[in-house]
C-alpha cells in the first residue's frame, strides 16, 4: 500500500515538475525571442565594426 502511495506521489510530483518546466520553457522562449531581436541589432553593429577594422 505504501508503495502505491509513493508511486502516485511521484507521478503527481512529475506532473508538477513538467508544468513548471513547460512554463519555464515558455518564459525562456519569450526571453530568447527578445534576445534574438537584440542580437540581430548587435550582430549588425559588430559586422560593420569588423568591416571597418579590416578596411
N, C-alpha and C. Protein backbone atom coordinates (compact mmCIF):
# COMPACT_ATOMS: atom_id res chain seq x y z
N UNK A 1 0.83 -1.21 0.00
CA UNK A 1 0.00 0.00 0.00
C UNK A 1 0.87 1.26 0.00
N UNK A 2 1.89 1.24 0.82
CA UNK A 2 2.81 2.38 0.91
C UNK A 2 3.47 2.65 -0.45
N UNK A 3 3.80 1.56 -1.14
CA UNK A 3 4.45 1.67 -2.45
C UNK A 3 3.54 2.40 -3.44
N UNK A 4 2.26 2.01 -3.42
CA UNK A 4 1.31 2.66 -4.33
C UNK A 4 1.21 4.15 -4.06
N UNK A 5 1.20 4.51 -2.81
CA UNK A 5 1.11 5.93 -2.44
C UNK A 5 2.32 6.68 -2.97
N UNK A 6 3.51 6.11 -2.79
CA UNK A 6 4.71 6.82 -3.22
C UNK A 6 4.79 6.91 -4.75
N UNK A 7 4.29 5.87 -5.43
CA UNK A 7 4.25 5.93 -6.90
C UNK A 7 3.32 7.04 -7.35
N UNK A 8 2.15 7.12 -6.69
CA UNK A 8 1.17 8.16 -7.01
C UNK A 8 1.77 9.54 -6.73
N UNK A 9 2.44 9.66 -5.59
CA UNK A 9 3.09 10.92 -5.23
C UNK A 9 4.11 11.31 -6.30
N UNK A 10 4.86 10.33 -6.73
CA UNK A 10 5.91 10.60 -7.71
C UNK A 10 5.30 11.05 -9.03
N UNK A 11 4.20 10.41 -9.41
CA UNK A 11 3.52 10.81 -10.65
C UNK A 11 3.07 12.25 -10.56
N UNK A 12 2.43 12.57 -9.43
CA UNK A 12 1.95 13.95 -9.24
C UNK A 12 3.11 14.93 -9.24
N UNK A 13 4.16 14.55 -8.58
CA UNK A 13 5.35 15.39 -8.50
C UNK A 13 5.91 15.63 -9.90
N UNK A 14 5.97 14.57 -10.69
CA UNK A 14 6.48 14.69 -12.05
C UNK A 14 5.59 15.58 -12.90
N UNK A 15 4.27 15.48 -12.69
CA UNK A 15 3.33 16.35 -13.42
C UNK A 15 3.61 17.81 -13.08
N UNK A 16 3.80 18.06 -11.78
CA UNK A 16 4.07 19.44 -11.33
C UNK A 16 5.38 19.94 -11.94
N UNK A 17 6.40 19.09 -11.90
CA UNK A 17 7.69 19.47 -12.47
C UNK A 17 7.56 19.75 -13.96
N UNK A 18 6.79 18.91 -14.63
CA UNK A 18 6.60 19.08 -16.08
C UNK A 18 5.93 20.42 -16.36
N UNK A 19 4.91 20.73 -15.57
CA UNK A 19 4.20 22.01 -15.75
C UNK A 19 5.15 23.18 -15.51
N UNK A 20 5.93 23.07 -14.43
CA UNK A 20 6.88 24.14 -14.12
C UNK A 20 7.88 24.28 -15.25
N UNK A 21 8.33 23.13 -15.74
CA UNK A 21 9.32 23.12 -16.82
C UNK A 21 8.74 23.78 -18.07
N UNK A 22 7.50 23.40 -18.41
CA UNK A 22 6.87 23.97 -19.59
C UNK A 22 6.69 25.48 -19.46
N UNK A 23 6.33 25.91 -18.25
CA UNK A 23 6.17 27.34 -18.00
C UNK A 23 7.52 28.05 -18.16
N UNK A 24 8.56 27.42 -17.63
CA UNK A 24 9.90 28.00 -17.72
C UNK A 24 10.35 28.06 -19.18
N UNK A 25 10.05 27.01 -19.92
CA UNK A 25 10.43 26.97 -21.34
C UNK A 25 9.72 28.09 -22.10
N UNK A 26 8.42 28.26 -21.82
CA UNK A 26 7.68 29.34 -22.48
C UNK A 26 8.30 30.69 -22.17
N UNK A 27 8.58 30.89 -20.89
CA UNK A 27 9.16 32.16 -20.45
C UNK A 27 10.51 32.37 -21.14
N UNK A 28 11.29 31.30 -21.17
CA UNK A 28 12.62 31.37 -21.78
C UNK A 28 12.50 31.67 -23.27
N UNK A 29 11.50 31.07 -23.91
CA UNK A 29 11.33 31.29 -25.35
C UNK A 29 11.04 32.76 -25.62
N UNK A 30 10.21 33.35 -24.78
CA UNK A 30 9.91 34.78 -24.92
C UNK A 30 11.19 35.59 -24.76
N UNK A 31 11.96 35.25 -23.72
CA UNK A 31 13.22 35.96 -23.49
C UNK A 31 14.17 35.75 -24.66
N UNK A 32 14.24 34.52 -25.15
CA UNK A 32 15.13 34.22 -26.28
C UNK A 32 14.73 35.02 -27.51
N UNK A 33 13.41 35.11 -27.75
CA UNK A 33 12.95 35.87 -28.91
C UNK A 33 13.39 37.33 -28.80
N UNK A 34 13.29 37.88 -27.59
CA UNK A 34 13.72 39.27 -27.38
C UNK A 34 15.22 39.39 -27.57
N UNK A 35 15.96 38.40 -27.05
CA UNK A 35 17.41 38.43 -27.18
C UNK A 35 17.83 38.29 -28.63
N UNK A 36 17.10 37.46 -29.37
CA UNK A 36 17.42 37.27 -30.78
C UNK A 36 17.25 38.60 -31.52
N UNK A 37 16.16 39.29 -31.21
CA UNK A 37 15.94 40.60 -31.85
C UNK A 37 17.08 41.55 -31.51
N UNK A 38 17.46 41.59 -30.24
CA UNK A 38 18.56 42.46 -29.82
C UNK A 38 19.86 41.97 -30.45
N UNK A 39 20.02 40.65 -30.48
CA UNK A 39 21.24 40.05 -31.03
C UNK A 39 21.45 40.41 -32.48
N UNK A 40 20.36 40.48 -33.23
CA UNK A 40 20.46 40.83 -34.64
C UNK A 40 21.01 42.25 -34.77
N UNK A 41 20.50 43.12 -33.92
CA UNK A 41 20.97 44.51 -33.92
C UNK A 41 22.46 44.56 -33.56
N UNK A 42 22.82 43.84 -32.49
CA UNK A 42 24.21 43.81 -32.05
C UNK A 42 25.10 43.22 -33.13
N UNK A 43 24.64 42.12 -33.72
CA UNK A 43 25.43 41.44 -34.76
C UNK A 43 25.68 42.38 -35.93
N UNK A 44 24.68 43.14 -36.32
CA UNK A 44 24.88 44.03 -37.46
C UNK A 44 25.86 45.14 -37.11
N UNK A 45 25.83 45.61 -35.86
CA UNK A 45 26.82 46.59 -35.42
C UNK A 45 28.23 46.00 -35.46
N UNK A 46 28.36 44.78 -34.91
CA UNK A 46 29.66 44.12 -34.87
C UNK A 46 30.19 43.89 -36.28
N UNK A 47 29.29 43.52 -37.16
CA UNK A 47 29.69 43.24 -38.53
C UNK A 47 30.27 44.50 -39.18
N UNK A 48 29.59 45.62 -39.00
CA UNK A 48 30.07 46.88 -39.54
C UNK A 48 31.42 47.26 -38.93
N UNK A 49 31.55 47.03 -37.65
CA UNK A 49 32.77 47.36 -36.92
C UNK A 49 33.94 46.54 -37.47
N UNK A 50 33.70 45.24 -37.70
CA UNK A 50 34.76 44.37 -38.23
C UNK A 50 35.15 44.81 -39.63
N UNK A 51 34.19 45.20 -40.40
CA UNK A 51 34.49 45.65 -41.76
C UNK A 51 35.39 46.89 -41.72
N UNK A 52 35.10 47.79 -40.81
CA UNK A 52 35.91 48.99 -40.67
C UNK A 52 37.34 48.64 -40.28
N UNK A 53 37.48 47.70 -39.34
CA UNK A 53 38.81 47.31 -38.89
C UNK A 53 39.61 46.69 -40.04
N UNK A 54 38.94 45.86 -40.83
CA UNK A 54 39.63 45.20 -41.94
C UNK A 54 40.01 46.22 -43.01
N UNK A 55 39.09 47.17 -43.24
CA UNK A 55 39.31 48.16 -44.28
C UNK A 55 40.45 49.08 -43.90
